[in-house]
Amino acid sequence: MLGMTAHQRHKFMMNQYVNFYGGKMPPPPQEETVHTDFDVLKETYRFIRDDGEDAAAEDRWAVRLAKRYYAKLYREYAIVDLSRYKEDKLGLRWRTEAEVLSGKGQFSCGARGCAETRGLATFEVPFGYAEAGQRKEALVKVRLCPEHALQLNYRKNKEALKAQRKAQKKAERRQQRQQDDSEADEEPSGKQEAHEEKGKSRSQRHVQHQIDEKGAGKPELEEEADAFLREMFP
């Protein structure tokens, strides 16, 4: 210990204290979390604010901050995030002043990251979302280019295509059944014709057989008559 510095001796003695005398080191001090205005805004932000709730909490500074930010948003058209459109999930937010001035979401496509200005169409989206532990719904207008319009209606188009294919298969099965029924109706008449032909050929064979028998018996009768006459007139 003589060659140690004061700090080294302190660490050595503390280790001895903890390892052999049952002492405990104090926990390291935790860093204090700084709660910024942005954190407060995220906690109190509402996609569509309720005037009744805001009036009841008017005395809270956080609510007043969220209301001031909400008042600066332009809520005629929304910006939409369609990155998960195949899962039937989308994200919406209101436009900022800079986006309104640039025409984003009204004169250019309202999809996030798209600047297309041709072929825009307006859609009213029934937007369901969870906020502050509650399930809410709102009808929001967005303007989209043809490509992102297909993504927005991906599920509806998929269900329509599925129904169309199902109806087509049903029509094909109905047509096949009708064809099978018509073939089944034609089959007995064909069998009857074959039976009549078979009966006709059998009758013809029977008549021919009788004719053959008669033809074969005539020479025998003639021979018997000749023999009888020879006996009568020797």
C-alpha atoms as a PDB file:
ATOM      1  CA  MET A   1       0.000   0.000   0.000  1.00  0.00           C
ATOM      2  CA  LEU A   2       2.978   2.271   0.411  1.00  0.00           C
ATOM      3  CA  GLY A   3       3.477   2.565  -3.345  1.00  0.00           C
ATOM      4  CA  MET A   4      -0.231   3.315  -4.030  1.00  0.00           C
ATOM      5  CA  THR A   5      -1.787   6.635  -4.653  1.00  0.00           C
ATOM      6  CA  ALA A   6      -4.577   7.897  -2.483  1.00  0.00           C
ATOM      7  CA  HIS A   7      -7.201   6.869  -5.049  1.00  0.00           C
ATOM      8  CA  GLN A   8      -5.731   3.374  -5.442  1.00  0.00           C
ATOM      9  CA  ARG A   9      -5.642   2.891  -1.647  1.00  0.00           C
ATOM     10  CA  HIS A  10      -9.273   3.988  -1.468  1.00  0.00           C
ATOM     11  CA  LYS A  11     -10.353   1.441  -4.105  1.00  0.00           C
ATOM     12  CA  PHE A  12      -8.337  -1.309  -2.422  1.00  0.00           C
ATOM     13  CA  MET A  13      -9.867  -0.627   0.974  1.00  0.00           C
ATOM     14  CA  MET A  14     -13.388  -0.461  -0.455  1.00  0.00           C
ATOM     15  CA  ASN A  15     -12.915  -3.825  -2.191  1.00  0.00           C
ATOM     16  CA  GLN A  16     -11.709  -5.304   1.108  1.00  0.00           C
ATOM     17  CA  TYR A  17     -14.744  -3.854   2.840  1.00  0.00           C
ATOM     18  CA  VAL A  18     -17.182  -5.336   0.316  1.00  0.00           C
ATOM     19  CA  ASN A  19     -15.518  -8.742  -0.095  1.00  0.00           C
ATOM     20  CA  PHE A  20     -14.642  -9.545   3.538  1.00  0.00           C
ATOM     21  CA  TYR A  21     -16.812  -7.385   5.800  1.00  0.00           C
ATOM     22  CA  GLY A  22     -20.165  -7.622   4.040  1.00  0.00           C
ATOM     23  CA  GLY A  23     -20.307  -4.046   2.914  1.00  0.00           C
ATOM     24  CA  LYS A  24     -22.272  -2.831  -0.119  1.00  0.00           C
ATOM     25  CA  MET A  25     -21.283  -0.271  -2.654  1.00  0.00           C
ATOM     26  CA  PRO A  26     -23.803   2.508  -3.204  1.00  0.00           C
ATOM     27  CA  PRO A  27     -25.665   2.307  -6.546  1.00  0.00           C
ATOM     28  CA  PRO A  28     -24.379   4.602  -9.255  1.00  0.00           C
ATOM     29  CA  PRO A  29     -26.295   7.849  -9.506  1.00  0.00           C
ATOM     30  CA  GLN A  30     -28.994   7.819 -12.178  1.00  0.00           C
ATOM     31  CA  GLU A  31     -29.033  10.483 -14.806  1.00  0.00           C
ATOM     32  CA  GLU A  32     -31.988  12.771 -14.523  1.00  0.00           C
ATOM     33  CA  THR A  33     -34.289  12.583 -17.541  1.00  0.00           C
ATOM     34  CA  VAL A  34     -35.002  15.915 -19.119  1.00  0.00           C
ATOM     35  CA  HIS A  35     -38.670  16.373 -20.009  1.00  0.00           C
ATOM     36  CA  THR A  36     -38.698  18.720 -22.973  1.00  0.00           C
ATOM     37  CA  ASP A  37     -41.584  20.621 -24.557  1.00  0.00           C
ATOM     38  CA  PHE A  38     -41.517  18.114 -27.408  1.00  0.00           C
ATOM     39  CA  ASP A  39     -42.102  15.258 -24.937  1.00  0.00           C
ATOM     40  CA  VAL A  40     -45.007  17.155 -23.419  1.00  0.00           C
ATOM     41  CA  LEU A  41     -46.440  17.814 -26.884  1.00  0.00           C
ATOM     42  CA  LYS A  42     -46.274  14.116 -27.825  1.00  0.00           C
ATOM     43  CA  GLU A  43     -48.117  13.197 -24.630  1.00  0.00           C
ATOM     44  CA  THR A  44     -50.938  15.686 -25.059  1.00  0.00           C
ATOM     45  CA  TYR A  45     -51.255  15.778 -28.863  1.00  0.00           C
ATOM     46  CA  ARG A  46     -54.622  14.744 -30.312  1.00  0.00           C
ATOM     47  CA  PHE A  47     -55.348  14.127 -33.994  1.00  0.00           C
ATOM     48  CA  ILE A  48     -58.752  15.757 -33.546  1.00  0.00           C
ATOM     49  CA  ARG A  49     -59.154  17.691 -30.314  1.00  0.00           C
ATOM     50  CA  ASP A  50     -62.280  17.674 -28.189  1.00  0.00           C
ATOM     51  CA  ASP A  51     -63.350  21.161 -27.087  1.00  0.00           C
ATOM     52  CA  GLY A  52     -65.018  19.777 -23.965  1.00  0.00           C
ATOM     53  CA  GLU A  53     -61.872  17.995 -22.784  1.00  0.00           C
ATOM     54  CA  ASP A  54     -59.728  21.047 -23.554  1.00  0.00           C
ATOM     55  CA  ALA A  55     -62.067  23.322 -21.595  1.00  0.00           C
ATOM     56  CA  ALA A  56     -61.955  20.996 -18.570  1.00  0.00           C
ATOM     57  CA  ALA A  57     -58.128  20.982 -18.614  1.00  0.00           C
ATOM     58  CA  GLU A  58     -57.567  24.601 -19.602  1.00  0.00           C
ATOM     59  CA  ASP A  59     -55.515  25.230 -16.475  1.00  0.00           C
ATOM     60  CA  ARG A  60     -52.847  22.697 -17.522  1.00  0.00           C
ATOM     61  CA  TRP A  61     -49.854  24.187 -19.269  1.00  0.00           C
ATOM     62  CA  ALA A  62     -49.307  20.998 -21.356  1.00  0.00           C
ATOM     63  CA  VAL A  63     -52.847  21.172 -22.783  1.00  0.00           C
ATOM     64  CA  ARG A  64     -52.440  24.845 -23.677  1.00  0.00           C
ATOM     65  CA  LEU A  65     -49.166  24.018 -25.457  1.00  0.00           C
ATOM     66  CA  ALA A  66     -50.841  21.228 -27.475  1.00  0.00           C
ATOM     67  CA  LYS A  67     -53.738  23.539 -28.394  1.00  0.00           C
ATOM     68  CA  ARG A  68     -51.366  26.220 -29.670  1.00  0.00           C
ATOM     69  CA  TYR A  69     -49.586  23.669 -31.855  1.00  0.00           C
ATOM     70  CA  TYR A  70     -52.912  22.209 -33.059  1.00  0.00           C
ATOM     71  CA  ALA A  71     -54.132  25.674 -34.054  1.00  0.00           C
ATOM     72  CA  LYS A  72     -51.138  26.074 -36.379  1.00  0.00           C
ATOM     73  CA  LEU A  73     -52.014  22.935 -38.368  1.00  0.00           C
ATOM     74  CA  TYR A  74     -54.027  23.039 -41.599  1.00  0.00           C
ATOM     75  CA  ARG A  75     -56.715  20.375 -41.419  1.00  0.00           C
ATOM     76  CA  GLU A  76     -58.358  20.528 -44.845  1.00  0.00           C
ATOM     77  CA  TYR A  77     -56.142  17.797 -46.345  1.00  0.00           C
ATOM     78  CA  ALA A  78     -53.877  15.276 -44.645  1.00  0.00           C
ATOM     79  CA  ILE A  79     -50.495  13.729 -45.412  1.00  0.00           C
ATOM     80  CA  VAL A  80     -50.698   9.928 -45.604  1.00  0.00           C
ATOM     81  CA  ASP A  81     -48.062   7.264 -44.964  1.00  0.00           C
ATOM     82  CA  LEU A  82     -48.769   4.173 -47.138  1.00  0.00           C
ATOM     83  CA  SER A  83     -45.602   2.212 -46.402  1.00  0.00           C
ATOM     84  CA  ARG A  84     -47.698  -0.622 -44.863  1.00  0.00           C
ATOM     85  CA  TYR A  85     -50.646  -0.540 -47.250  1.00  0.00           C
ATOM     86  CA  LYS A  86     -50.545  -4.340 -47.815  1.00  0.00           C
ATOM     87  CA  GLU A  87     -51.278  -4.807 -44.096  1.00  0.00           C
ATOM     88  CA  ASP A  88     -54.276  -2.462 -44.453  1.00  0.00           C
ATOM     89  CA  LYS A  89     -52.523   0.071 -42.218  1.00  0.00           C
ATOM     90  CA  LEU A  90     -51.879   3.733 -42.889  1.00  0.00           C
ATOM     91  CA  GLY A  91     -50.749   6.798 -41.006  1.00  0.00           C
ATOM     92  CA  LEU A  92     -52.226  10.300 -41.289  1.00  0.00           C
ATOM     93  CA  ARG A  93     -51.172  13.713 -40.067  1.00  0.00           C
ATOM     94  CA  TRP A  94     -52.242  17.249 -40.765  1.00  0.00           C
ATOM     95  CA  ARG A  95     -50.219  19.542 -42.981  1.00  0.00           C
ATOM     96  CA  THR A  96     -47.867  22.192 -41.650  1.00  0.00           C
ATOM     97  CA  GLU A  97     -47.678  25.782 -42.845  1.00  0.00           C
ATOM     98  CA  ALA A  98     -44.626  25.039 -45.022  1.00  0.00           C
ATOM     99  CA  GLU A  99     -46.475  22.170 -46.739  1.00  0.00           C
ATOM    100  CA  VAL A 100     -49.515  24.357 -47.355  1.00  0.00           C
ATOM    101  CA  LEU A 101     -47.354  27.084 -48.909  1.00  0.00           C
ATOM    102  CA  SER A 102     -45.621  24.550 -51.180  1.00  0.00           C
ATOM    103  CA  GLY A 103     -48.941  22.924 -52.165  1.00  0.00           C
ATOM    104  CA  LYS A 104     -48.013  19.536 -50.682  1.00  0.00           C
ATOM    105  CA  GLY A 105     -51.091  17.396 -50.173  1.00  0.00           C
ATOM    106  CA  GLN A 106     -53.340  19.576 -52.343  1.00  0.00           C
ATOM    107  CA  PHE A 107     -51.601  20.442 -55.608  1.00  0.00           C
ATOM    108  CA  SER A 108     -49.116  17.576 -55.329  1.00  0.00           C
ATOM    109  CA  CYS A 109     -49.629  14.029 -54.095  1.00  0.00           C
ATOM    110  CA  GLY A 110     -50.393  13.787 -50.381  1.00  0.00           C
ATOM    111  CA  ALA A 111     -48.461  10.527 -49.954  1.00  0.00           C
ATOM    112  CA  ARG A 112     -45.313  10.862 -47.896  1.00  0.00           C
ATOM    113  CA  GLY A 113     -42.256  11.245 -50.136  1.00  0.00           C
ATOM    114  CA  CYS A 114     -44.234  11.694 -53.398  1.00  0.00           C
ATOM    115  CA  ALA A 115     -44.234  14.931 -55.419  1.00  0.00           C
ATOM    116  CA  GLU A 116     -46.433  13.844 -58.358  1.00  0.00           C
ATOM    117  CA  THR A 117     -48.761  16.594 -59.619  1.00  0.00           C
ATOM    118  CA  ARG A 118     -50.569  14.778 -62.474  1.00  0.00           C
ATOM    119  CA  GLY A 119     -53.796  12.797 -62.214  1.00  0.00           C
ATOM    120  CA  LEU A 120     -54.563  13.750 -58.610  1.00  0.00           C
ATOM    121  CA  ALA A 121     -57.851  12.610 -57.075  1.00  0.00           C
ATOM    122  CA  THR A 122     -59.494  13.423 -53.743  1.00  0.00           C
ATOM    123  CA  PHE A 123     -60.503  10.622 -51.357  1.00  0.00           C
ATOM    124  CA  GLU A 124     -62.394  10.744 -48.066  1.00  0.00           C
ATOM    125  CA  VAL A 125     -60.733   8.148 -45.871  1.00  0.00           C
ATOM    126  CA  PRO A 126     -62.558   6.664 -42.841  1.00  0.00           C
ATOM    127  CA  PHE A 127     -59.586   6.762 -40.482  1.00  0.00           C
ATOM    128  CA  GLY A 128     -59.775   4.618 -37.354  1.00  0.00           C
ATOM    129  CA  TYR A 129     -57.078   5.076 -34.730  1.00  0.00           C
ATOM    130  CA  ALA A 130     -56.293   4.550 -31.040  1.00  0.00           C
ATOM    131  CA  GLU A 131     -55.445   7.618 -28.964  1.00  0.00           C
ATOM    132  CA  ALA A 132     -55.157   8.137 -25.217  1.00  0.00           C
ATOM    133  CA  GLY A 133     -56.495   4.620 -24.616  1.00  0.00           C
ATOM    134  CA  GLN A 134     -59.616   5.237 -26.712  1.00  0.00           C
ATOM    135  CA  ARG A 135     -60.725   4.033 -30.134  1.00  0.00           C
ATOM    136  CA  LYS A 136     -61.621   6.945 -32.398  1.00  0.00           C
ATOM    137  CA  GLU A 137     -62.724   7.444 -35.990  1.00  0.00           C
ATOM    138  CA  ALA A 138     -62.577  10.409 -38.335  1.00  0.00           C
ATOM    139  CA  LEU A 139     -63.316  11.139 -41.995  1.00  0.00           C
ATOM    140  CA  VAL A 140     -60.178  12.668 -43.501  1.00  0.00           C
ATOM    141  CA  LYS A 141     -59.610  14.022 -47.029  1.00  0.00           C
ATOM    142  CA  VAL A 142     -56.433  13.209 -48.958  1.00  0.00           C
ATOM    143  CA  ARG A 143     -55.316  13.910 -52.524  1.00  0.00           C
ATOM    144  CA  LEU A 144     -53.292  11.182 -54.197  1.00  0.00           C
ATOM    145  CA  CYS A 145     -51.717  10.310 -57.536  1.00  0.00           C
ATOM    146  CA  PRO A 146     -52.953   7.182 -59.411  1.00  0.00           C
ATOM    147  CA  GLU A 147     -50.162   4.966 -58.041  1.00  0.00           C
ATOM    148  CA  HIS A 148     -50.834   5.805 -54.392  1.00  0.00           C
ATOM    149  CA  ALA A 149     -54.599   5.755 -54.983  1.00  0.00           C
ATOM    150  CA  LEU A 150     -54.231   2.068 -55.874  1.00  0.00           C
ATOM    151  CA  GLN A 151     -52.276   1.508 -52.678  1.00  0.00           C
ATOM    152  CA  LEU A 152     -54.925   3.319 -50.638  1.00  0.00           C
ATOM    153  CA  ASN A 153     -57.654   1.079 -52.097  1.00  0.00           C
ATOM    154  CA  TYR A 154     -55.478  -2.046 -52.124  1.00  0.00           C
ATOM    155  CA  ARG A 155     -57.723  -4.109 -49.863  1.00  0.00           C
ATOM    156  CA  LYS A 156     -60.930  -3.008 -51.597  1.00  0.00           C
ATOM    157  CA  ASN A 157     -59.478  -3.794 -55.029  1.00  0.00           C
ATOM    158  CA  LYS A 158     -58.200  -7.147 -53.781  1.00  0.00           C
ATOM    159  CA  GLU A 159     -61.622  -8.098 -52.401  1.00  0.00           C
ATOM    160  CA  ALA A 160     -63.313  -6.974 -55.641  1.00  0.00           C
ATOM    161  CA  LEU A 161     -60.897  -9.061 -57.715  1.00  0.00           C
ATOM    162  CA  LYS A 162     -61.470 -12.045 -55.437  1.00  0.00           C
ATOM    163  CA  ALA A 163     -65.255 -11.672 -55.761  1.00  0.00           C
ATOM    164  CA  GLN A 164     -64.941 -11.369 -59.543  1.00  0.00           C
ATOM    165  CA  ARG A 165     -62.871 -14.555 -59.764  1.00  0.00           C
ATOM    166  CA  LYS A 166     -65.345 -16.349 -57.498  1.00  0.00           C
ATOM    167  CA  ALA A 167     -68.290 -15.249 -59.675  1.00  0.00           C
ATOM    168  CA  GLN A 168     -66.403 -16.328 -62.803  1.00  0.00           C
ATOM    169  CA  LYS A 169     -65.711 -19.795 -61.377  1.00  0.00           C
ATOM    170  CA  LYS A 170     -69.360 -20.080 -60.310  1.00  0.00           C
ATOM    171  CA  ALA A 171     -70.510 -19.182 -63.826  1.00  0.00           C
ATOM    172  CA  GLU A 172     -68.111 -21.745 -65.323  1.00  0.00           C
ATOM    173  CA  ARG A 173     -69.425 -24.458 -62.984  1.00  0.00           C
ATOM    174  CA  ARG A 174     -73.028 -23.542 -63.890  1.00  0.00           C
ATOM    175  CA  GLN A 175     -72.194 -23.686 -67.593  1.00  0.00           C
ATOM    176  CA  GLN A 176     -70.505 -27.058 -67.134  1.00  0.00           C
ATOM    177  CA  ARG A 177     -73.559 -28.437 -65.296  1.00  0.00           C
ATOM    178  CA  GLN A 178     -75.869 -27.224 -68.062  1.00  0.00           C
ATOM    179  CA  GLN A 179     -73.634 -28.846 -70.662  1.00  0.00           C
ATOM    180  CA  ASP A 180     -73.587 -32.120 -68.706  1.00  0.00           C
ATOM    181  CA  ASP A 181     -77.399 -32.010 -68.378  1.00  0.00           C
ATOM    182  CA  SER A 182     -77.854 -31.458 -72.118  1.00  0.00           C
ATOM    183  CA  GLU A 183     -75.515 -34.356 -72.883  1.00  0.00           C
ATOM    184  CA  ALA A 184     -77.451 -36.552 -70.436  1.00  0.00           C
ATOM    185  CA  ASP A 185     -80.739 -35.629 -72.195  1.00  0.00           C
ATOM    186  CA  GLU A 186     -79.309 -36.572 -75.595  1.00  0.00           C
ATOM    187  CA  GLU A 187     -77.875 -39.913 -74.410  1.00  0.00           C
ATOM    188  CA  PRO A 188     -81.206 -41.869 -73.890  1.00  0.00           C
ATOM    189  CA  SER A 189     -82.460 -40.951 -77.380  1.00  0.00           C
ATOM    190  CA  GLY A 190     -79.195 -42.210 -78.830  1.00  0.00           C
ATOM    191  CA  LYS A 191     -79.530 -45.423 -76.859  1.00  0.00           C
ATOM    192  CA  GLN A 192     -83.136 -45.815 -78.038  1.00  0.00           C
ATOM    193  CA  GLU A 193     -82.094 -45.378 -81.670  1.00  0.00           C
ATOM    194  CA  ALA A 194     -79.336 -47.942 -81.209  1.00  0.00           C
ATOM    195  CA  HIS A 195     -81.867 -50.322 -79.596  1.00  0.00           C
ATOM    196  CA  GLU A 196     -84.300 -49.842 -82.482  1.00  0.00           C
ATOM    197  CA  GLU A 197     -81.547 -50.466 -85.018  1.00  0.00           C
ATOM    198  CA  LYS A 198     -80.538 -53.556 -83.097  1.00  0.00           C
ATOM    199  CA  GLY A 199     -84.162 -54.801 -83.030  1.00  0.00           C
ATOM    200  CA  LYS A 200     -84.558 -54.054 -86.734  1.00  0.00           C
ATOM    201  CA  SER A 201     -81.415 -56.011 -87.620  1.00  0.00           C
ATOM    202  CA  ARG A 202     -82.580 -58.859 -85.418  1.00  0.00           C
ATOM    203  CA  SER A 203     -85.957 -58.934 -87.199  1.00  0.00           C
ATOM    204  CA  GLN A 204     -84.249 -58.817 -90.556  1.00  0.00           C
ATOM    205  CA  ARG A 205     -82.014 -61.713 -89.543  1.00  0.00           C
ATOM    206  CA  HIS A 206     -85.057 -63.694 -88.352  1.00  0.00           C
ATOM    207  CA  VAL A 207     -86.927 -63.136 -91.631  1.00  0.00           C
ATOM    208  CA  GLN A 208     -83.838 -64.034 -93.615  1.00  0.00           C
ATOM    209  CA  HIS A 209     -83.463 -67.197 -91.539  1.00  0.00           C
ATOM    210  CA  GLN A 210     -87.046 -68.191 -92.289  1.00  0.00           C
ATOM    211  CA  ILE A 211     -86.504 -67.526 -95.972  1.00  0.00           C
ATOM    212  CA  ASP A 212     -83.353 -69.614 -95.890  1.00  0.00           C
ATOM    213  CA  GLU A 213     -85.202 -72.445 -94.181  1.00  0.00           C
ATOM    214  CA  LYS A 214     -87.956 -72.317 -96.758  1.00  0.00           C
ATOM    215  CA  GLY A 215     -85.491 -72.221 -99.570  1.00  0.00           C
ATOM    216  CA  ALA A 216     -83.556 -75.110 -98.119  1.00  0.00           C
ATOM    217  CA  GLY A 217     -86.742 -77.263 -97.609  1.00  0.00           C
ATOM    218  CA  LYS A 218     -88.115 -76.880-101.164  1.00  0.00           C
ATOM    219  CA  PRO A 219     -85.621 -79.205-102.917  1.00  0.00           C
ATOM    220  CA  GLU A 220     -86.240 -81.912-100.301  1.00  0.00           C
ATOM    221  CA  LEU A 221     -90.017 -81.845-101.011  1.00  0.00           C
ATOM    222  CA  GLU A 222     -89.415 -82.053-104.725  1.00  0.00           C
ATOM    223  CA  GLU A 223     -87.172 -85.141-104.287  1.00  0.00           C
ATOM    224  CA  GLU A 224     -89.792 -86.841-102.082  1.00  0.00           C
ATOM    225  CA  ALA A 225     -92.517 -86.197-104.723  1.00  0.00           C
ATOM    226  CA  ASP A 226     -90.345 -87.617-107.497  1.00  0.00           C
ATOM    227  CA  ALA A 227     -89.635 -90.743-105.444  1.00  0.00           C
ATOM    228  CA  PHE A 228     -93.361 -91.190-104.751  1.00  0.00           C
ATOM    229  CA  LEU A 229     -94.224 -90.891-108.445  1.00  0.00           C
ATOM    230  CA  ARG A 230     -91.529 -93.372-109.423  1.00  0.00           C
ATOM    231  CA  GLU A 231     -93.027 -95.865-106.995  1.00  0.00           C
ATOM    232  CA  MET A 232     -96.522 -95.326-108.338  1.00  0.00           C
ATOM    233  CA  PHE A 233     -95.443 -95.610-111.951  1.00  0.00           C
ATOM    234  CA  PRO A 234     -92.485 -97.936-112.162  1.00  0.00           C
END
